[in-house]
Amino acid sequence: MLGTKTGLKAVDVIILQVAEQYGIPLLTMDNEIIVKSPKGILIFKPSGLPL
C-alpha cells in the first residue's frame, strides 16, 4: 500500500513499512523518503556526521 501512496521505489517502501509496522524511527539522508513518507513515521536526518 505504501508504494502506491508514496510513489517510492520498492526498497524504500520496504524500509518505510518496517519502520511503520514496528513503530521505530527511521534515520536517513534520502530526501525522497523524507519528503514522501507518511506523516505517522518518525524520520530523522543525520546532521554533522562525517560520511
N, C-alpha and C. Protein backbone atom coordinates (compact mmCIF):
# COMPACT_ATOMS: atom_id res chain seq x y z
N MET A 1 0.81 -1.21 0.00
CA MET A 1 0.00 0.00 0.00
C MET A 1 0.85 1.27 0.00
N LEU A 2 1.95 1.26 0.75
CA LEU A 2 2.78 2.46 0.80
C LEU A 2 3.37 2.81 -0.55
N GLY A 3 3.63 1.79 -1.37
CA GLY A 3 4.20 2.04 -2.69
C GLY A 3 3.29 2.87 -3.56
N THR A 4 2.01 2.55 -3.55
CA THR A 4 1.07 3.32 -4.37
C THR A 4 0.78 4.68 -3.76
N LYS A 5 0.84 4.78 -2.45
CA LYS A 5 0.59 6.07 -1.78
C LYS A 5 1.75 7.05 -1.96
N THR A 6 2.98 6.51 -1.92
CA THR A 6 4.14 7.40 -1.92
C THR A 6 4.83 7.53 -3.26
N GLY A 7 4.74 6.50 -4.11
CA GLY A 7 5.44 6.53 -5.38
C GLY A 7 6.94 6.26 -5.24
N LEU A 8 7.36 5.70 -4.11
CA LEU A 8 8.77 5.41 -3.88
C LEU A 8 9.16 4.07 -4.50
N LYS A 9 10.47 3.85 -4.61
CA LYS A 9 10.99 2.58 -5.10
C LYS A 9 10.70 1.47 -4.09
N ALA A 10 10.72 0.23 -4.58
CA ALA A 10 10.36 -0.93 -3.76
C ALA A 10 11.19 -1.02 -2.48
N VAL A 11 12.49 -0.84 -2.58
CA VAL A 11 13.33 -0.97 -1.40
C VAL A 11 13.03 0.13 -0.39
N ASP A 12 12.73 1.32 -0.84
CA ASP A 12 12.38 2.42 0.06
C ASP A 12 11.05 2.13 0.76
N VAL A 13 10.12 1.55 0.04
CA VAL A 13 8.82 1.21 0.61
C VAL A 13 8.98 0.14 1.69
N ILE A 14 9.86 -0.82 1.46
CA ILE A 14 10.10 -1.86 2.46
C ILE A 14 10.65 -1.25 3.74
N ILE A 15 11.59 -0.34 3.61
CA ILE A 15 12.17 0.34 4.77
C ILE A 15 11.09 1.09 5.54
N LEU A 16 10.24 1.82 4.83
CA LEU A 16 9.16 2.56 5.49
C LEU A 16 8.15 1.62 6.14
N GLN A 17 7.85 0.52 5.47
CA GLN A 17 6.88 -0.44 6.01
C GLN A 17 7.38 -1.04 7.32
N VAL A 18 8.64 -1.38 7.38
CA VAL A 18 9.22 -1.95 8.61
C VAL A 18 9.17 -0.90 9.74
N ALA A 19 9.55 0.33 9.43
CA ALA A 19 9.51 1.39 10.44
C ALA A 19 8.08 1.61 10.94
N GLU A 20 7.12 1.61 10.04
CA GLU A 20 5.72 1.81 10.42
C GLU A 20 5.18 0.61 11.22
N GLN A 21 5.47 -0.58 10.76
CA GLN A 21 4.94 -1.79 11.40
C GLN A 21 5.46 -1.96 12.82
N TYR A 22 6.73 -1.66 13.04
CA TYR A 22 7.33 -1.86 14.35
C TYR A 22 7.37 -0.59 15.20
N GLY A 23 6.92 0.52 14.63
CA GLY A 23 6.88 1.78 15.37
C GLY A 23 8.25 2.30 15.72
N ILE A 24 9.22 2.09 14.84
CA ILE A 24 10.58 2.56 15.10
C ILE A 24 10.89 3.76 14.22
N PRO A 25 11.69 4.70 14.73
CA PRO A 25 12.07 5.84 13.91
C PRO A 25 13.05 5.44 12.82
N LEU A 26 13.11 6.25 11.80
CA LEU A 26 13.98 5.97 10.65
C LEU A 26 15.03 7.08 10.57
N LEU A 27 16.28 6.68 10.39
CA LEU A 27 17.38 7.62 10.21
C LEU A 27 17.84 7.50 8.76
N THR A 28 17.70 8.57 7.99
CA THR A 28 18.05 8.50 6.57
C THR A 28 18.53 9.86 6.06
N MET A 29 19.36 9.80 5.03
CA MET A 29 19.78 11.00 4.33
C MET A 29 19.07 11.11 2.98
N ASP A 30 18.18 10.18 2.69
CA ASP A 30 17.46 10.14 1.42
C ASP A 30 16.30 11.15 1.45
N ASN A 31 16.48 12.26 0.76
CA ASN A 31 15.48 13.33 0.78
C ASN A 31 14.14 12.89 0.20
N GLU A 32 14.16 11.97 -0.76
CA GLU A 32 12.92 11.50 -1.35
C GLU A 32 12.07 10.76 -0.31
N ILE A 33 12.71 9.93 0.51
CA ILE A 33 11.99 9.24 1.58
C ILE A 33 11.47 10.24 2.59
N ILE A 34 12.29 11.22 2.95
CA ILE A 34 11.88 12.23 3.93
C ILE A 34 10.65 12.99 3.45
N VAL A 35 10.65 13.38 2.20
CA VAL A 35 9.56 14.20 1.65
C VAL A 35 8.28 13.38 1.42
N LYS A 36 8.42 12.15 0.92
CA LYS A 36 7.25 11.38 0.50
C LYS A 36 6.69 10.43 1.56
N SER A 37 7.36 10.28 2.69
CA SER A 37 6.88 9.32 3.69
C SER A 37 5.60 9.80 4.37
N PRO A 38 4.76 8.86 4.80
CA PRO A 38 3.53 9.23 5.51
C PRO A 38 3.85 9.93 6.82
N LYS A 39 2.94 10.74 7.28
CA LYS A 39 3.15 11.55 8.49
C LYS A 39 3.33 10.72 9.76
N GLY A 40 2.82 9.50 9.80
CA GLY A 40 2.89 8.69 11.01
C GLY A 40 4.25 8.06 11.29
N ILE A 41 5.19 8.17 10.35
CA ILE A 41 6.51 7.58 10.53
C ILE A 41 7.48 8.67 10.95
N LEU A 42 8.14 8.46 12.08
CA LEU A 42 9.09 9.43 12.61
C LEU A 42 10.42 9.28 11.87
N ILE A 43 10.86 10.35 11.22
CA ILE A 43 12.07 10.30 10.41
C ILE A 43 13.04 11.37 10.88
N PHE A 44 14.28 10.96 11.05
CA PHE A 44 15.36 11.86 11.41
C PHE A 44 16.37 11.89 10.30
N LYS A 45 16.94 13.08 10.08
CA LYS A 45 18.02 13.23 9.11
C LYS A 45 19.29 13.50 9.91
N PRO A 46 20.33 12.68 9.71
CA PRO A 46 21.55 12.90 10.48
C PRO A 46 22.21 14.21 10.08
N SER A 47 22.73 14.89 11.06
CA SER A 47 23.45 16.13 10.74
C SER A 47 24.77 16.12 11.49
N GLY A 48 25.75 16.62 10.85
CA GLY A 48 27.07 16.70 11.46
C GLY A 48 27.82 15.38 11.52
N LEU A 49 27.37 14.39 10.77
CA LEU A 49 28.08 13.12 10.74
C LEU A 49 29.06 13.12 9.56
N PRO A 50 30.30 12.87 9.82
CA PRO A 50 31.25 12.82 8.71
C PRO A 50 31.08 11.52 7.92
N LEU A 51 30.64 11.64 6.70
CA LEU A 51 30.44 10.46 5.86
C LEU A 51 31.33 10.49 4.65
